[in-house]
């Protein structure tokens, strides 16, 4: 199964507004999709993934959370986490 990068946000969240351009930069650099999801419209996922704060980014492989970032995460740390699983899964050669 491919690596999924899920980004949970809330409208009006200052940290989320700071995180969004970082996500765009990382997605463009790695050629991956970071799927933005409004946390409040997904109560089942809040329970399933144990979401407590926004922004939260999850790197999910085969339905299992491999990496979790709560709060704003810098581009370098996010890229490192995503690359680890892309290379691990043999899916993508990162640009």
N, C-alpha and C. Protein backbone atom coordinates (compact mmCIF):
# COMPACT_ATOMS: atom_id res chain seq x y z
N UNK A 1 0.85 -1.19 0.00
CA UNK A 1 0.00 0.00 0.00
C UNK A 1 0.90 1.25 0.00
N UNK A 2 0.47 2.25 -0.70
CA UNK A 2 1.29 3.46 -0.76
C UNK A 2 1.32 4.21 0.57
N UNK A 3 2.32 5.03 0.68
CA UNK A 3 2.45 5.91 1.84
C UNK A 3 1.43 7.02 1.71
N UNK A 4 0.69 7.27 2.78
CA UNK A 4 -0.24 8.39 2.83
C UNK A 4 0.30 9.41 3.81
N UNK A 5 0.19 10.67 3.45
CA UNK A 5 0.53 11.75 4.38
C UNK A 5 -0.75 12.53 4.60
N UNK A 6 -1.25 12.48 5.82
CA UNK A 6 -2.51 13.12 6.18
C UNK A 6 -2.23 14.32 7.06
N UNK A 7 -2.87 15.42 6.70
CA UNK A 7 -2.69 16.68 7.43
C UNK A 7 -4.05 17.11 7.97
N UNK A 8 -4.19 17.13 9.30
CA UNK A 8 -5.44 17.52 9.94
C UNK A 8 -5.32 18.96 10.43
N UNK A 9 -6.32 19.75 10.06
CA UNK A 9 -6.33 21.18 10.38
C UNK A 9 -7.71 21.59 10.87
N UNK A 10 -7.80 22.82 11.38
CA UNK A 10 -9.08 23.46 11.73
C UNK A 10 -9.05 24.87 11.17
N UNK A 11 -10.19 25.34 10.72
CA UNK A 11 -10.28 26.73 10.28
C UNK A 11 -9.94 27.65 11.45
N UNK A 12 -9.19 28.70 11.17
CA UNK A 12 -8.83 29.68 12.20
C UNK A 12 -7.66 29.29 13.06
N UNK A 13 -7.09 28.12 12.87
CA UNK A 13 -5.95 27.64 13.67
C UNK A 13 -4.68 28.32 13.15
N UNK A 14 -4.02 29.10 14.02
CA UNK A 14 -2.82 29.83 13.61
C UNK A 14 -1.69 28.89 13.22
N UNK A 15 -1.50 27.83 13.98
CA UNK A 15 -0.47 26.85 13.64
C UNK A 15 -0.73 26.19 12.29
N UNK A 16 -2.01 25.95 12.00
CA UNK A 16 -2.39 25.35 10.72
C UNK A 16 -2.04 26.29 9.57
N UNK A 17 -2.29 27.58 9.76
CA UNK A 17 -1.97 28.55 8.72
C UNK A 17 -0.46 28.61 8.49
N UNK A 18 0.31 28.41 9.54
CA UNK A 18 1.77 28.38 9.41
C UNK A 18 2.23 27.09 8.73
N UNK A 19 1.52 25.99 8.99
CA UNK A 19 1.92 24.69 8.46
C UNK A 19 1.64 24.53 6.96
N UNK A 20 0.58 25.15 6.47
CA UNK A 20 0.15 24.93 5.09
C UNK A 20 1.23 25.24 4.04
N UNK A 21 1.94 26.38 4.11
CA UNK A 21 2.98 26.60 3.10
C UNK A 21 4.15 25.61 3.23
N UNK A 22 4.41 25.15 4.43
CA UNK A 22 5.45 24.13 4.63
C UNK A 22 5.03 22.85 3.93
N UNK A 23 3.77 22.47 4.09
CA UNK A 23 3.27 21.26 3.43
C UNK A 23 3.39 21.38 1.91
N UNK A 24 3.01 22.54 1.36
CA UNK A 24 3.11 22.73 -0.09
C UNK A 24 4.55 22.58 -0.57
N UNK A 25 5.49 23.16 0.19
CA UNK A 25 6.91 23.07 -0.17
C UNK A 25 7.39 21.63 -0.16
N UNK A 26 7.06 20.89 0.89
CA UNK A 26 7.51 19.50 1.01
C UNK A 26 6.86 18.64 -0.08
N UNK A 27 5.57 18.82 -0.31
CA UNK A 27 4.87 18.04 -1.34
C UNK A 27 5.49 18.28 -2.71
N UNK A 28 5.79 19.53 -3.02
CA UNK A 28 6.39 19.85 -4.32
C UNK A 28 7.80 19.27 -4.43
N UNK A 29 8.56 19.37 -3.36
CA UNK A 29 9.94 18.90 -3.38
C UNK A 29 10.02 17.38 -3.52
N UNK A 30 9.14 16.66 -2.83
CA UNK A 30 9.19 15.20 -2.85
C UNK A 30 8.29 14.59 -3.92
N UNK A 31 7.40 15.38 -4.50
CA UNK A 31 6.48 14.84 -5.48
C UNK A 31 5.44 13.91 -4.86
N UNK A 32 5.00 14.24 -3.65
CA UNK A 32 3.98 13.44 -2.96
C UNK A 32 2.77 14.32 -2.68
N UNK A 33 1.66 13.68 -2.38
CA UNK A 33 0.46 14.41 -1.99
C UNK A 33 0.37 14.41 -0.47
N UNK A 34 0.12 15.58 0.08
CA UNK A 34 -0.19 15.70 1.50
C UNK A 34 -1.67 16.05 1.55
N UNK A 35 -2.47 15.11 2.01
CA UNK A 35 -3.92 15.24 1.97
C UNK A 35 -4.43 16.04 3.16
N UNK A 36 -4.96 17.22 2.89
CA UNK A 36 -5.50 18.09 3.94
C UNK A 36 -6.91 17.63 4.31
N UNK A 37 -7.15 17.49 5.60
CA UNK A 37 -8.46 17.06 6.09
C UNK A 37 -8.88 17.95 7.26
N UNK A 38 -10.10 18.48 7.17
CA UNK A 38 -10.65 19.27 8.26
C UNK A 38 -10.96 18.33 9.42
N UNK A 39 -10.23 18.47 10.50
CA UNK A 39 -10.36 17.55 11.63
C UNK A 39 -11.77 17.51 12.20
N UNK A 40 -12.42 18.67 12.28
CA UNK A 40 -13.75 18.72 12.90
C UNK A 40 -14.82 18.03 12.07
N UNK A 41 -14.59 17.87 10.78
CA UNK A 41 -15.58 17.19 9.94
C UNK A 41 -15.34 15.68 9.87
N UNK A 42 -14.35 15.20 10.63
CA UNK A 42 -14.00 13.77 10.60
C UNK A 42 -13.90 13.20 12.02
N UNK A 43 -15.01 13.18 12.77
CA UNK A 43 -14.94 12.72 14.16
C UNK A 43 -14.47 11.27 14.30
N UNK A 44 -14.79 10.43 13.33
CA UNK A 44 -14.35 9.03 13.41
C UNK A 44 -12.82 8.94 13.33
N UNK A 45 -12.23 9.76 12.47
CA UNK A 45 -10.77 9.76 12.35
C UNK A 45 -10.11 10.36 13.59
N UNK A 46 -10.77 11.31 14.22
CA UNK A 46 -10.25 11.86 15.48
C UNK A 46 -10.10 10.73 16.49
N UNK A 47 -11.11 9.88 16.57
CA UNK A 47 -11.06 8.74 17.51
C UNK A 47 -10.05 7.70 17.03
N UNK A 48 -10.13 7.31 15.77
CA UNK A 48 -9.27 6.25 15.24
C UNK A 48 -7.79 6.59 15.40
N UNK A 49 -7.42 7.81 15.05
CA UNK A 49 -6.01 8.20 15.08
C UNK A 49 -5.61 8.91 16.38
N UNK A 50 -6.56 9.09 17.30
CA UNK A 50 -6.24 9.73 18.57
C UNK A 50 -5.77 11.17 18.42
N UNK A 51 -6.43 11.91 17.54
CA UNK A 51 -6.04 13.29 17.30
C UNK A 51 -6.39 14.15 18.51
N UNK A 52 -5.42 14.96 18.94
CA UNK A 52 -5.62 15.82 20.11
C UNK A 52 -5.46 17.29 19.80
N UNK A 53 -4.64 17.61 18.81
CA UNK A 53 -4.34 19.00 18.47
C UNK A 53 -4.30 19.16 16.96
N UNK A 54 -4.43 20.42 16.54
CA UNK A 54 -4.16 20.74 15.15
C UNK A 54 -3.10 21.83 15.15
N UNK A 55 -2.23 21.81 14.18
CA UNK A 55 -2.14 20.84 13.10
C UNK A 55 -1.54 19.52 13.58
N UNK A 56 -1.98 18.44 12.94
CA UNK A 56 -1.37 17.13 13.13
C UNK A 56 -1.10 16.55 11.75
N UNK A 57 0.11 16.03 11.55
CA UNK A 57 0.47 15.34 10.33
C UNK A 57 0.78 13.90 10.66
N UNK A 58 0.24 12.99 9.86
CA UNK A 58 0.48 11.57 10.04
C UNK A 58 1.06 10.98 8.76
N UNK A 59 2.08 10.15 8.91
CA UNK A 59 2.58 9.34 7.79
C UNK A 59 2.04 7.94 8.06
N UNK A 60 1.18 7.48 7.16
CA UNK A 60 0.47 6.21 7.35
C UNK A 60 0.90 5.24 6.26
N UNK A 61 1.25 4.01 6.68
CA UNK A 61 1.63 2.95 5.76
C UNK A 61 0.81 1.72 6.14
N UNK A 62 0.09 1.17 5.17
CA UNK A 62 -0.76 0.00 5.42
C UNK A 62 -1.71 0.22 6.59
N UNK A 63 -2.24 1.42 6.70
CA UNK A 63 -3.21 1.74 7.74
C UNK A 63 -2.60 1.97 9.12
N UNK A 64 -1.28 1.88 9.21
CA UNK A 64 -0.60 2.04 10.50
C UNK A 64 0.16 3.37 10.51
N UNK A 65 0.00 4.11 11.60
CA UNK A 65 0.72 5.37 11.74
C UNK A 65 2.19 5.06 12.00
N UNK A 66 3.04 5.55 11.10
CA UNK A 66 4.48 5.35 11.24
C UNK A 66 5.16 6.58 11.82
N UNK A 67 4.62 7.76 11.51
CA UNK A 67 5.17 9.02 12.02
C UNK A 67 4.01 9.92 12.40
N UNK A 68 4.17 10.66 13.49
CA UNK A 68 3.13 11.60 13.95
C UNK A 68 3.81 12.90 14.36
N UNK A 69 3.27 14.00 13.85
CA UNK A 69 3.74 15.33 14.23
C UNK A 69 2.55 16.12 14.72
N UNK A 70 2.61 16.60 15.95
CA UNK A 70 1.55 17.43 16.51
C UNK A 70 2.11 18.84 16.67
N UNK A 71 1.40 19.82 16.14
CA UNK A 71 1.91 21.18 16.12
C UNK A 71 2.67 21.40 14.83
N UNK A 72 3.21 22.59 14.69
CA UNK A 72 3.93 22.95 13.47
C UNK A 72 5.22 22.15 13.39
N UNK A 73 5.47 21.56 12.21
CA UNK A 73 6.69 20.79 11.97
C UNK A 73 7.45 21.46 10.83
N UNK A 74 8.75 21.58 11.01
CA UNK A 74 9.59 22.21 10.00
C UNK A 74 9.75 21.30 8.79
N UNK A 75 10.00 21.89 7.65
CA UNK A 75 10.10 21.16 6.38
C UNK A 75 11.13 20.04 6.45
N UNK A 76 12.28 20.30 7.03
CA UNK A 76 13.35 19.29 7.06
C UNK A 76 12.91 18.03 7.80
N UNK A 77 12.27 18.20 8.94
CA UNK A 77 11.83 17.05 9.74
C UNK A 77 10.73 16.28 9.01
N UNK A 78 9.80 16.99 8.39
CA UNK A 78 8.72 16.34 7.67
C UNK A 78 9.26 15.59 6.46
N UNK A 79 10.17 16.21 5.72
CA UNK A 79 10.77 15.54 4.56
C UNK A 79 11.50 14.28 4.97
N UNK A 80 12.27 14.35 6.03
CA UNK A 80 13.02 13.19 6.50
C UNK A 80 12.09 12.03 6.83
N UNK A 81 11.00 12.33 7.52
CA UNK A 81 10.04 11.29 7.92
C UNK A 81 9.38 10.66 6.69
N UNK A 82 8.97 11.47 5.75
CA UNK A 82 8.31 10.95 4.56
C UNK A 82 9.29 10.14 3.71
N UNK A 83 10.49 10.66 3.51
CA UNK A 83 11.50 9.96 2.70
C UNK A 83 11.80 8.58 3.27
N UNK A 84 11.87 8.49 4.59
CA UNK A 84 12.19 7.20 5.23
C UNK A 84 11.20 6.13 4.79
N UNK A 85 9.93 6.47 4.72
CA UNK A 85 8.93 5.47 4.38
C UNK A 85 8.78 5.29 2.88
N UNK A 86 9.03 6.32 2.11
CA UNK A 86 9.01 6.15 0.66
C UNK A 86 10.13 5.21 0.22
N UNK A 87 11.31 5.41 0.77
CA UNK A 87 12.44 4.55 0.44
C UNK A 87 12.22 3.17 1.01
N UNK A 88 11.69 3.10 2.23
CA UNK A 88 11.44 1.82 2.90
C UNK A 88 10.48 0.98 2.07
N UNK A 89 9.45 1.62 1.53
CA UNK A 89 8.45 0.90 0.76
C UNK A 89 8.89 0.71 -0.70
N UNK A 90 10.01 1.34 -1.09
CA UNK A 90 10.48 1.19 -2.45
C UNK A 90 9.57 1.81 -3.49
N UNK A 91 8.77 2.78 -3.06
CA UNK A 91 7.76 3.36 -3.96
C UNK A 91 8.31 4.39 -4.90
N UNK A 92 9.12 5.28 -4.39
CA UNK A 92 9.48 6.46 -5.15
C UNK A 92 10.96 6.73 -4.97
N UNK A 93 11.60 7.08 -6.02
CA UNK A 93 12.94 7.62 -5.84
C UNK A 93 12.79 9.11 -5.70
N UNK A 94 13.17 9.64 -4.59
CA UNK A 94 12.95 11.04 -4.27
C UNK A 94 13.86 11.90 -5.13
N UNK A 95 13.28 12.98 -5.66
CA UNK A 95 14.04 13.91 -6.50
C UNK A 95 15.16 14.54 -5.73
